[in-house]
Amino acid sequence: MSNPLRCPWAVDPWSVAYHDGEWGNPCHEDRLLFELLILEGFQAGLSWLTILKKRPAFQEAFDHFQPEKVAAFSMEKCQELAENACIVRNKSKIAASVGNAQAFLQIQKQYGSFDAYIWSFTNGNSVVNNWQHQAEVPATSSLSDKVSAELKKRGFKFVGSTIIYSYLGAIGVINDHLAGCEFNPVSHPACP
């Protein structure tokens, strides 16, 4: 049996599992949309592999990314997280997660769901790029610039355009699977 063709960055067990089962697939579940937004913020300055390896510990430490719970984290809880060696112990990112949870809840209140809000930028459709080579994939786009600016206006932190471009790819608003990737949800919709 031959190895399936994947995007070239998926080379280790963590990134392969993420690439094959999650990345680029349209996500419409608010809790997961929140989790990925927070994890993308923690990834800033680090590798995504570092975050993937620590993801189970993050899920445990952040009450499985239930935005209502994260929004209510106390100073003591934030200090506890800053001492947790199993996650990224960046006090600014931890504090931003609490503020981002509060801003996330405000969007849910205004739009009915964060899903409705984030997908409104593309009228509910994925932006499907048809890159042939990994070198063609940009770090930002006019869409990520716009979403980043809107989130910043709403009080979100660690949501620069590069982080948001990666986030939009994670949740399937942008599909950057290479044209020949066997896990591209556009050409292979039966994939998970």
N, C-alpha and C. Protein backbone atom coordinates (compact mmCIF):
# COMPACT_ATOMS: atom_id res chain seq x y z
N MET A 1 0.84 -1.18 0.00
CA MET A 1 0.00 0.00 0.00
C MET A 1 0.89 1.24 0.00
N SER A 2 0.65 2.17 -0.90
CA SER A 2 1.47 3.37 -1.00
C SER A 2 1.05 4.40 0.05
N ASN A 3 1.99 5.29 0.37
CA ASN A 3 1.69 6.36 1.31
C ASN A 3 0.82 7.40 0.62
N PRO A 4 -0.20 7.91 1.31
CA PRO A 4 -1.05 8.94 0.69
C PRO A 4 -0.27 10.23 0.48
N LEU A 5 -0.67 11.00 -0.51
CA LEU A 5 -0.05 12.29 -0.77
C LEU A 5 -0.65 13.33 0.17
N ARG A 6 0.22 14.03 0.90
CA ARG A 6 -0.21 15.05 1.84
C ARG A 6 0.53 16.35 1.57
N CYS A 7 0.04 17.40 2.16
CA CYS A 7 0.78 18.66 2.16
C CYS A 7 2.12 18.40 2.86
N PRO A 8 3.21 18.97 2.37
CA PRO A 8 4.55 18.60 2.84
C PRO A 8 4.86 18.90 4.29
N TRP A 9 4.08 19.75 4.94
CA TRP A 9 4.37 20.06 6.35
C TRP A 9 3.89 18.96 7.30
N ALA A 10 3.06 18.08 6.82
CA ALA A 10 2.52 16.99 7.67
C ALA A 10 3.46 15.80 7.61
N VAL A 11 4.42 15.78 8.54
CA VAL A 11 5.46 14.76 8.48
C VAL A 11 5.61 13.93 9.76
N ASP A 12 5.07 14.37 10.87
CA ASP A 12 5.20 13.65 12.13
C ASP A 12 3.80 13.19 12.56
N PRO A 13 3.70 12.30 13.53
CA PRO A 13 2.38 11.78 13.92
C PRO A 13 1.37 12.85 14.32
N TRP A 14 1.82 13.91 15.00
CA TRP A 14 0.89 14.94 15.47
C TRP A 14 0.35 15.77 14.29
N SER A 15 1.27 16.22 13.43
CA SER A 15 0.82 17.05 12.31
C SER A 15 0.06 16.23 11.27
N VAL A 16 0.41 14.96 11.10
CA VAL A 16 -0.33 14.10 10.16
C VAL A 16 -1.77 13.94 10.64
N ALA A 17 -1.96 13.65 11.92
CA ALA A 17 -3.32 13.48 12.45
C ALA A 17 -4.13 14.77 12.31
N TYR A 18 -3.50 15.90 12.61
CA TYR A 18 -4.17 17.20 12.50
C TYR A 18 -4.50 17.50 11.05
N HIS A 19 -3.54 17.32 10.16
CA HIS A 19 -3.72 17.57 8.73
C HIS A 19 -4.83 16.70 8.16
N ASP A 20 -4.79 15.42 8.44
CA ASP A 20 -5.72 14.47 7.82
C ASP A 20 -7.14 14.60 8.35
N GLY A 21 -7.28 14.91 9.62
CA GLY A 21 -8.60 14.86 10.22
C GLY A 21 -9.25 16.18 10.56
N GLU A 22 -8.49 17.28 10.49
CA GLU A 22 -9.04 18.53 11.01
C GLU A 22 -8.76 19.73 10.11
N TRP A 23 -7.52 19.96 9.76
CA TRP A 23 -7.10 21.18 9.09
C TRP A 23 -7.78 21.35 7.73
N GLY A 24 -8.37 22.51 7.53
CA GLY A 24 -9.02 22.80 6.25
C GLY A 24 -10.45 22.33 6.14
N ASN A 25 -10.89 21.50 7.08
CA ASN A 25 -12.28 21.04 7.07
C ASN A 25 -13.15 22.11 7.71
N PRO A 26 -14.24 22.50 7.07
CA PRO A 26 -15.10 23.53 7.65
C PRO A 26 -15.59 23.15 9.06
N CYS A 27 -15.31 24.03 10.01
CA CYS A 27 -15.70 23.83 11.40
C CYS A 27 -16.81 24.82 11.73
N HIS A 28 -17.87 24.31 12.35
CA HIS A 28 -19.01 25.17 12.71
C HIS A 28 -19.41 25.01 14.18
N GLU A 29 -18.54 24.44 14.98
CA GLU A 29 -18.85 24.19 16.38
C GLU A 29 -18.13 25.22 17.23
N ASP A 30 -18.88 26.05 17.93
CA ASP A 30 -18.31 27.19 18.64
C ASP A 30 -17.20 26.83 19.62
N ARG A 31 -17.35 25.76 20.37
CA ARG A 31 -16.32 25.41 21.33
C ARG A 31 -14.99 25.14 20.62
N LEU A 32 -15.03 24.40 19.52
CA LEU A 32 -13.82 24.10 18.77
C LEU A 32 -13.27 25.36 18.08
N LEU A 33 -14.16 26.23 17.60
CA LEU A 33 -13.71 27.50 17.02
C LEU A 33 -12.96 28.31 18.06
N PHE A 34 -13.44 28.30 19.30
CA PHE A 34 -12.77 29.01 20.38
C PHE A 34 -11.43 28.36 20.71
N GLU A 35 -11.42 27.05 20.83
CA GLU A 35 -10.17 26.33 21.15
C GLU A 35 -9.08 26.66 20.13
N LEU A 36 -9.41 26.57 18.87
CA LEU A 36 -8.41 26.81 17.83
C LEU A 36 -7.95 28.27 17.82
N LEU A 37 -8.85 29.20 18.11
CA LEU A 37 -8.47 30.61 18.18
C LEU A 37 -7.45 30.83 19.30
N ILE A 38 -7.69 30.23 20.44
CA ILE A 38 -6.78 30.38 21.58
C ILE A 38 -5.45 29.69 21.29
N LEU A 39 -5.50 28.48 20.74
CA LEU A 39 -4.26 27.76 20.44
C LEU A 39 -3.43 28.49 19.39
N GLU A 40 -4.07 29.08 18.40
CA GLU A 40 -3.33 29.84 17.39
C GLU A 40 -2.62 31.03 18.05
N GLY A 41 -3.27 31.67 19.00
CA GLY A 41 -2.63 32.76 19.72
C GLY A 41 -1.42 32.29 20.52
N PHE A 42 -1.54 31.13 21.15
CA PHE A 42 -0.42 30.58 21.91
C PHE A 42 0.72 30.18 20.98
N GLN A 43 0.41 29.85 19.75
CA GLN A 43 1.43 29.41 18.81
C GLN A 43 2.35 30.55 18.38
N ALA A 44 1.91 31.78 18.49
CA ALA A 44 2.71 32.93 18.04
C ALA A 44 4.14 32.83 18.57
N GLY A 45 5.11 32.81 17.65
CA GLY A 45 6.51 32.72 18.02
C GLY A 45 7.02 31.31 18.26
N LEU A 46 6.14 30.35 18.16
CA LEU A 46 6.49 28.94 18.37
C LEU A 46 6.09 28.13 17.14
N SER A 47 6.40 26.86 17.15
CA SER A 47 5.96 26.00 16.05
C SER A 47 4.58 25.43 16.38
N TRP A 48 3.82 25.15 15.33
CA TRP A 48 2.50 24.55 15.53
C TRP A 48 2.66 23.15 16.12
N LEU A 49 3.76 22.48 15.81
CA LEU A 49 4.01 21.14 16.37
C LEU A 49 4.09 21.21 17.90
N THR A 50 4.72 22.26 18.41
CA THR A 50 4.79 22.43 19.87
C THR A 50 3.38 22.49 20.46
N ILE A 51 2.50 23.24 19.81
CA ILE A 51 1.12 23.37 20.29
C ILE A 51 0.37 22.04 20.17
N LEU A 52 0.54 21.36 19.06
CA LEU A 52 -0.16 20.08 18.87
C LEU A 52 0.26 19.07 19.95
N LYS A 53 1.53 19.04 20.28
CA LYS A 53 2.00 18.10 21.30
C LYS A 53 1.42 18.45 22.68
N LYS A 54 1.22 19.74 22.92
CA LYS A 54 0.71 20.18 24.22
C LYS A 54 -0.82 20.31 24.25
N ARG A 55 -1.47 20.05 23.13
CA ARG A 55 -2.90 20.29 23.03
C ARG A 55 -3.71 19.56 24.10
N PRO A 56 -3.47 18.27 24.37
CA PRO A 56 -4.25 17.63 25.44
C PRO A 56 -4.07 18.32 26.79
N ALA A 57 -2.86 18.77 27.10
CA ALA A 57 -2.63 19.49 28.37
C ALA A 57 -3.35 20.84 28.37
N PHE A 58 -3.33 21.52 27.23
CA PHE A 58 -4.08 22.77 27.11
C PHE A 58 -5.57 22.53 27.34
N GLN A 59 -6.10 21.48 26.74
CA GLN A 59 -7.53 21.18 26.90
C GLN A 59 -7.88 20.96 28.36
N GLU A 60 -7.03 20.23 29.05
CA GLU A 60 -7.26 19.97 30.48
C GLU A 60 -7.14 21.27 31.28
N ALA A 61 -6.09 22.02 31.04
CA ALA A 61 -5.83 23.24 31.82
C ALA A 61 -6.87 24.33 31.58
N PHE A 62 -7.40 24.38 30.36
CA PHE A 62 -8.37 25.43 30.00
C PHE A 62 -9.82 24.93 29.99
N ASP A 63 -10.11 23.96 30.87
CA ASP A 63 -11.48 23.46 31.03
C ASP A 63 -12.10 23.11 29.67
N HIS A 64 -11.32 22.42 28.86
CA HIS A 64 -11.76 21.97 27.53
C HIS A 64 -12.29 23.13 26.67
N PHE A 65 -11.72 24.30 26.90
CA PHE A 65 -12.00 25.50 26.10
C PHE A 65 -13.49 25.84 26.03
N GLN A 66 -14.15 25.71 27.16
CA GLN A 66 -15.52 26.20 27.26
C GLN A 66 -15.40 27.71 27.50
N PRO A 67 -15.82 28.53 26.54
CA PRO A 67 -15.56 29.97 26.67
C PRO A 67 -16.14 30.59 27.93
N GLU A 68 -17.28 30.11 28.40
CA GLU A 68 -17.88 30.66 29.62
C GLU A 68 -16.95 30.46 30.81
N LYS A 69 -16.31 29.30 30.88
CA LYS A 69 -15.40 29.02 32.00
C LYS A 69 -14.12 29.82 31.88
N VAL A 70 -13.55 29.89 30.67
CA VAL A 70 -12.30 30.63 30.49
C VAL A 70 -12.52 32.12 30.76
N ALA A 71 -13.67 32.65 30.36
CA ALA A 71 -13.98 34.06 30.58
C ALA A 71 -14.01 34.42 32.07
N ALA A 72 -14.28 33.43 32.90
CA ALA A 72 -14.39 33.67 34.35
C ALA A 72 -13.12 33.30 35.12
N PHE A 73 -12.04 32.97 34.43
CA PHE A 73 -10.80 32.62 35.13
C PHE A 73 -10.36 33.77 36.02
N SER A 74 -10.00 33.43 37.24
CA SER A 74 -9.54 34.42 38.22
C SER A 74 -8.03 34.66 38.04
N MET A 75 -7.53 35.66 38.75
CA MET A 75 -6.08 35.93 38.76
C MET A 75 -5.33 34.71 39.28
N GLU A 76 -5.94 34.05 40.28
CA GLU A 76 -5.30 32.86 40.86
C GLU A 76 -5.22 31.73 39.82
N LYS A 77 -6.29 31.56 39.06
CA LYS A 77 -6.30 30.53 38.02
C LYS A 77 -5.25 30.86 36.95
N CYS A 78 -5.14 32.11 36.58
CA CYS A 78 -4.14 32.51 35.58
C CYS A 78 -2.72 32.26 36.10
N GLN A 79 -2.49 32.53 37.39
CA GLN A 79 -1.18 32.26 37.97
C GLN A 79 -0.90 30.76 37.97
N GLU A 80 -1.92 29.97 38.28
CA GLU A 80 -1.78 28.51 38.25
C GLU A 80 -1.39 28.05 36.83
N LEU A 81 -2.03 28.62 35.81
CA LEU A 81 -1.71 28.27 34.43
C LEU A 81 -0.28 28.67 34.09
N ALA A 82 0.16 29.82 34.61
CA ALA A 82 1.52 30.30 34.33
C ALA A 82 2.58 29.39 34.96
N GLU A 83 2.17 28.57 35.90
CA GLU A 83 3.10 27.64 36.55
C GLU A 83 2.96 26.22 36.02
N ASN A 84 2.07 26.01 35.05
CA ASN A 84 1.81 24.68 34.50
C ASN A 84 2.83 24.38 33.40
N ALA A 85 3.79 23.51 33.70
CA ALA A 85 4.86 23.20 32.76
C ALA A 85 4.38 22.40 31.54
N CYS A 86 3.15 21.93 31.57
CA CYS A 86 2.63 21.13 30.46
C CYS A 86 2.07 21.97 29.32
N ILE A 87 1.90 23.27 29.55
CA ILE A 87 1.39 24.17 28.51
C ILE A 87 2.44 25.24 28.23
N VAL A 88 2.13 26.17 27.36
CA VAL A 88 3.00 27.32 27.12
C VAL A 88 2.71 28.32 28.23
N ARG A 89 3.72 28.63 29.03
CA ARG A 89 3.52 29.46 30.23
C ARG A 89 3.83 30.92 29.95
N ASN A 90 3.06 31.51 29.09
CA ASN A 90 3.24 32.92 28.73
C ASN A 90 2.11 33.70 29.38
N LYS A 91 2.45 34.54 30.34
CA LYS A 91 1.42 35.26 31.11
C LYS A 91 0.56 36.17 30.22
N SER A 92 1.19 36.80 29.23
CA SER A 92 0.42 37.68 28.33
C SER A 92 -0.60 36.88 27.52
N LYS A 93 -0.19 35.72 27.05
CA LYS A 93 -1.10 34.89 26.26
C LYS A 93 -2.21 34.30 27.13
N ILE A 94 -1.88 33.97 28.36
CA ILE A 94 -2.89 33.45 29.29
C ILE A 94 -3.92 34.54 29.58
N ALA A 95 -3.45 35.74 29.89
CA ALA A 95 -4.37 36.85 30.14
C ALA A 95 -5.21 37.16 28.90
N ALA A 96 -4.59 37.12 27.74
CA ALA A 96 -5.32 37.37 26.49
C ALA A 96 -6.41 36.32 26.28
N SER A 97 -6.16 35.10 26.69
CA SER A 97 -7.16 34.04 26.52
C SER A 97 -8.43 34.35 27.30
N VAL A 98 -8.27 34.91 28.49
CA VAL A 98 -9.44 35.28 29.31
C VAL A 98 -10.20 36.42 28.64
N GLY A 99 -9.47 37.44 28.22
CA GLY A 99 -10.12 38.55 27.52
C GLY A 99 -10.75 38.12 26.21
N ASN A 100 -10.07 37.23 25.51
CA ASN A 100 -10.63 36.73 24.24
C ASN A 100 -11.89 35.92 24.48
N ALA A 101 -11.93 35.17 25.57
CA ALA A 101 -13.14 34.42 25.89
C ALA A 101 -14.31 35.38 26.15
N GLN A 102 -14.03 36.47 26.84
CA GLN A 102 -15.08 37.46 27.11
C GLN A 102 -15.57 38.10 25.82
N ALA A 103 -14.64 38.43 24.93
CA ALA A 103 -15.01 39.02 23.63
C ALA A 103 -15.76 38.00 22.77
N PHE A 104 -15.35 36.75 22.85
CA PHE A 104 -16.01 35.66 22.13
C PHE A 104 -17.47 35.54 22.56
N LEU A 105 -17.70 35.62 23.86
CA LEU A 105 -19.07 35.54 24.39
C LEU A 105 -19.92 36.71 23.92
N GLN A 106 -19.31 37.89 23.80
CA GLN A 106 -20.05 39.06 23.30
C GLN A 106 -20.47 38.85 21.85
N ILE A 107 -19.59 38.25 21.05
CA ILE A 107 -19.95 37.96 19.66
C ILE A 107 -21.07 36.93 19.61
N GLN A 108 -20.98 35.90 20.44
CA GLN A 108 -22.07 34.91 20.48
C GLN A 108 -23.40 35.57 20.81
N LYS A 109 -23.36 36.49 21.75
CA LYS A 109 -24.57 37.19 22.17
C LYS A 109 -25.13 38.03 21.01
N GLN A 110 -24.25 38.70 20.30
CA GLN A 110 -24.68 39.58 19.21
C GLN A 110 -25.13 38.81 17.97
N TYR A 111 -24.42 37.74 17.63
CA TYR A 111 -24.68 37.02 16.37
C TYR A 111 -25.41 35.69 16.55
N GLY A 112 -25.59 35.27 17.78
CA GLY A 112 -26.22 33.97 18.02
C GLY A 112 -25.20 32.86 18.15
N SER A 113 -24.07 33.01 17.48
CA SER A 113 -22.96 32.06 17.58
C SER A 113 -21.72 32.72 17.01
N PHE A 114 -20.56 32.26 17.45
CA PHE A 114 -19.32 32.74 16.85
C PHE A 114 -19.21 32.20 15.43
N ASP A 115 -19.74 31.01 15.22
CA ASP A 115 -19.77 30.40 13.88
C ASP A 115 -20.42 31.34 12.87
N ALA A 116 -21.58 31.88 13.22
CA ALA A 116 -22.28 32.79 12.31
C ALA A 116 -21.42 34.01 12.00
N TYR A 117 -20.72 34.51 13.01
CA TYR A 117 -19.87 35.68 12.83
C TYR A 117 -18.68 35.39 11.93
N ILE A 118 -17.90 34.37 12.27
CA ILE A 118 -16.64 34.15 11.55
C ILE A 118 -16.88 33.73 10.11
N TRP A 119 -17.94 32.98 9.87
CA TRP A 119 -18.23 32.56 8.49
C TRP A 119 -18.93 33.65 7.68
N SER A 120 -19.39 34.72 8.35
CA SER A 120 -20.03 35.81 7.61
C SER A 120 -19.03 36.55 6.72
N PHE A 121 -17.75 36.47 7.05
CA PHE A 121 -16.73 37.16 6.26
C PHE A 121 -16.62 36.58 4.84
N THR A 122 -17.06 35.33 4.68
CA THR A 122 -17.00 34.68 3.35
C THR A 122 -18.38 34.20 2.91
N ASN A 123 -19.41 34.78 3.48
CA ASN A 123 -20.79 34.39 3.16
C ASN A 123 -21.02 32.89 3.32
N GLY A 124 -20.37 32.30 4.31
CA GLY A 124 -20.56 30.89 4.63
C GLY A 124 -19.81 29.93 3.74
N ASN A 125 -18.95 30.45 2.87
CA ASN A 125 -18.22 29.59 1.94
C ASN A 125 -16.73 29.55 2.26
N SER A 126 -16.11 28.41 1.99
CA SER A 126 -14.66 28.31 2.13
C SER A 126 -13.98 28.99 0.95
N VAL A 127 -12.89 29.67 1.23
CA VAL A 127 -12.03 30.20 0.18
C VAL A 127 -11.08 29.07 -0.19
N VAL A 128 -11.27 28.51 -1.36
CA VAL A 128 -10.48 27.34 -1.77
C VAL A 128 -9.35 27.82 -2.67
N ASN A 129 -8.14 27.71 -2.14
CA ASN A 129 -6.97 28.03 -2.95
C ASN A 129 -6.52 26.76 -3.64
N ASN A 130 -5.88 26.91 -4.73
CA ASN A 130 -5.49 25.75 -5.52
C ASN A 130 -3.97 25.76 -5.72
N TRP A 131 -3.26 25.92 -4.60
CA TRP A 131 -1.81 26.00 -4.67
C TRP A 131 -1.22 24.68 -5.16
N GLN A 132 -0.18 24.79 -5.95
CA GLN A 132 0.52 23.60 -6.44
C GLN A 132 1.69 23.24 -5.54
N HIS A 133 2.31 24.26 -4.91
CA HIS A 133 3.51 24.08 -4.10
C HIS A 133 3.37 24.84 -2.78
N GLN A 134 3.97 24.29 -1.73
CA GLN A 134 3.89 24.90 -0.40
C GLN A 134 4.41 26.34 -0.41
N ALA A 135 5.41 26.62 -1.23
CA ALA A 135 5.99 27.96 -1.29
C ALA A 135 5.00 29.02 -1.77
N GLU A 136 3.92 28.60 -2.42
CA GLU A 136 2.92 29.55 -2.90
C GLU A 136 1.97 30.03 -1.79
N VAL A 137 1.86 29.27 -0.72
CA VAL A 137 0.90 29.58 0.34
C VAL A 137 1.36 30.83 1.09
N PRO A 138 0.52 31.86 1.13
CA PRO A 138 0.92 33.11 1.80
C PRO A 138 0.79 33.02 3.31
N ALA A 139 1.37 33.99 3.99
CA ALA A 139 1.25 34.08 5.45
C ALA A 139 0.04 34.91 5.86
N THR A 140 -0.42 35.79 4.96
CA THR A 140 -1.57 36.64 5.22
C THR A 140 -2.34 36.83 3.91
N SER A 141 -3.50 37.42 4.03
CA SER A 141 -4.31 37.75 2.84
C SER A 141 -5.17 38.96 3.19
N SER A 142 -5.86 39.50 2.19
CA SER A 142 -6.76 40.61 2.48
C SER A 142 -7.86 40.16 3.44
N LEU A 143 -8.28 38.90 3.35
CA LEU A 143 -9.29 38.38 4.27
C LEU A 143 -8.76 38.32 5.70
N SER A 144 -7.56 37.78 5.88
CA SER A 144 -7.01 37.71 7.24
C SER A 144 -6.74 39.11 7.79
N ASP A 145 -6.35 40.05 6.92
CA ASP A 145 -6.18 41.44 7.36
C ASP A 145 -7.51 41.99 7.90
N LYS A 146 -8.58 41.74 7.16
CA LYS A 146 -9.89 42.26 7.54
C LYS A 146 -10.40 41.63 8.84
N VAL A 147 -10.32 40.30 8.93
CA VAL A 147 -10.80 39.61 10.14
C VAL A 147 -9.96 40.03 11.35
N SER A 148 -8.66 40.11 11.17
CA SER A 148 -7.77 40.54 12.26
C SER A 148 -8.17 41.92 12.76
N ALA A 149 -8.37 42.85 11.86
CA ALA A 149 -8.75 44.22 12.25
C ALA A 149 -10.08 44.23 12.99
N GLU A 150 -11.04 43.45 12.52
CA GLU A 150 -12.36 43.41 13.17
C GLU A 150 -12.26 42.80 14.57
N LEU A 151 -11.48 41.73 14.72
CA LEU A 151 -11.33 41.11 16.04
C LEU A 151 -10.62 42.05 17.00
N LYS A 152 -9.62 42.76 16.51
CA LYS A 152 -8.92 43.73 17.37
C LYS A 152 -9.88 44.82 17.85
N LYS A 153 -10.77 45.29 16.96
CA LYS A 153 -11.75 46.31 17.35
C LYS A 153 -12.66 45.81 18.47
N ARG A 154 -12.86 44.49 18.49
CA ARG A 154 -13.73 43.89 19.50
C ARG A 154 -12.97 43.51 20.77
N GLY A 155 -11.69 43.86 20.83
CA GLY A 155 -10.90 43.64 22.05
C GLY A 155 -10.07 42.38 22.09
N PHE A 156 -10.04 41.60 21.01
CA PHE A 156 -9.22 40.39 20.99
C PHE A 156 -7.75 40.74 20.94
N LYS A 157 -6.92 39.89 21.53
CA LYS A 157 -5.47 40.03 21.52
C LYS A 157 -4.86 38.79 20.85
N PHE A 158 -3.63 38.94 20.39
CA PHE A 158 -2.92 37.87 19.68
C PHE A 158 -3.73 37.39 18.48
N VAL A 159 -4.21 38.36 17.72
CA VAL A 159 -5.01 38.07 16.53
C VAL A 159 -4.50 38.87 15.33
N GLY A 160 -3.17 38.95 15.20
CA GLY A 160 -2.60 39.61 14.03
C GLY A 160 -2.95 38.86 12.77
N SER A 161 -2.70 39.47 11.63
CA SER A 161 -3.12 38.87 10.36
C SER A 161 -2.50 37.50 10.11
N THR A 162 -1.24 37.30 10.47
CA THR A 162 -0.61 35.99 10.27
C THR A 162 -1.28 34.92 11.13
N ILE A 163 -1.53 35.25 12.39
CA ILE A 163 -2.23 34.30 13.28
C ILE A 163 -3.61 34.00 12.73
N ILE A 164 -4.31 35.03 12.28
CA ILE A 164 -5.68 34.83 11.78
C ILE A 164 -5.67 34.06 10.47
N TYR A 165 -4.69 34.27 9.61
CA TYR A 165 -4.62 33.48 8.38
C TYR A 165 -4.51 32.00 8.73
N SER A 166 -3.64 31.69 9.69
CA SER A 166 -3.48 30.31 10.13
C SER A 166 -4.77 29.78 10.75
N TYR A 167 -5.42 30.62 11.55
CA TYR A 167 -6.70 30.23 12.17
C TYR A 167 -7.76 29.94 11.12
N LEU A 168 -7.89 30.80 10.14
CA LEU A 168 -8.90 30.59 9.09
C LEU A 168 -8.63 29.30 8.32
N GLY A 169 -7.36 28.95 8.18
CA GLY A 169 -7.02 27.66 7.57
C GLY A 169 -7.37 26.50 8.48
N ALA A 170 -7.14 26.68 9.77
CA ALA A 170 -7.45 25.62 10.73
C ALA A 170 -8.93 25.27 10.74
N ILE A 171 -9.78 26.30 10.60
CA ILE A 171 -11.23 26.07 10.71
C ILE A 171 -11.91 25.90 9.36
N GLY A 172 -11.12 25.92 8.28
CA GLY A 172 -11.68 25.66 6.96
C GLY A 172 -12.30 26.84 6.25
N VAL A 173 -12.23 28.04 6.83
CA VAL A 173 -12.70 29.22 6.12
C VAL A 173 -11.79 29.42 4.90
N ILE A 174 -10.50 29.13 5.09
CA ILE A 174 -9.54 29.08 3.99
C ILE A 174 -9.10 27.63 3.84
N ASN A 175 -9.08 27.14 2.62
CA ASN A 175 -8.59 25.79 2.35
C ASN A 175 -7.28 25.91 1.57
N ASP A 176 -6.18 25.65 2.27
CA ASP A 176 -4.86 25.73 1.66
C ASP A 176 -4.23 24.36 1.42
N HIS A 177 -5.04 23.30 1.43
CA HIS A 177 -4.48 22.01 1.02
C HIS A 177 -3.97 22.16 -0.41
N LEU A 178 -2.81 21.62 -0.68
CA LEU A 178 -2.27 21.68 -2.03
C LEU A 178 -3.17 20.90 -2.98
N ALA A 179 -3.11 21.26 -4.25
CA ALA A 179 -4.01 20.66 -5.25
C ALA A 179 -3.91 19.14 -5.28
N GLY A 180 -2.71 18.57 -5.09
CA GLY A 180 -2.54 17.12 -5.16
C GLY A 180 -2.74 16.39 -3.85
N CYS A 181 -3.09 17.10 -2.78
CA CYS A 181 -3.24 16.47 -1.47
C CYS A 181 -4.46 15.56 -1.45
N GLU A 182 -4.27 14.32 -1.03
CA GLU A 182 -5.36 13.35 -0.98
C GLU A 182 -6.34 13.62 0.15
N PHE A 183 -6.02 14.56 1.03
CA PHE A 183 -6.91 14.87 2.15
C PHE A 183 -7.61 16.21 1.98
N ASN A 184 -7.55 16.76 0.79
CA ASN A 184 -8.23 18.02 0.51
C ASN A 184 -9.73 17.77 0.55
N PRO A 185 -10.46 18.43 1.46
CA PRO A 185 -11.90 18.16 1.56
C PRO A 185 -12.69 18.54 0.31
N VAL A 186 -12.12 19.37 -0.55
CA VAL A 186 -12.83 19.75 -1.79
C VAL A 186 -12.81 18.60 -2.78
N SER A 187 -11.62 18.03 -2.99
CA SER A 187 -11.51 16.95 -3.98
C SER A 187 -11.87 15.59 -3.39
N HIS A 188 -11.81 15.47 -2.07
CA HIS A 188 -12.12 14.19 -1.40
C HIS A 188 -13.08 14.43 -0.24
N PRO A 189 -14.32 14.82 -0.51
CA PRO A 189 -15.23 15.18 0.57
C PRO A 189 -15.57 14.06 1.54
N ALA A 190 -15.24 12.84 1.19
CA ALA A 190 -15.54 11.72 2.09
C ALA A 190 -14.56 11.65 3.24
N CYS A 191 -13.43 12.38 3.14
CA CYS A 191 -12.45 12.35 4.22
C CYS A 191 -13.06 12.99 5.46
N PRO A 192 -12.61 12.55 6.65
CA PRO A 192 -13.17 13.12 7.89
C PRO A 192 -12.92 14.60 8.01
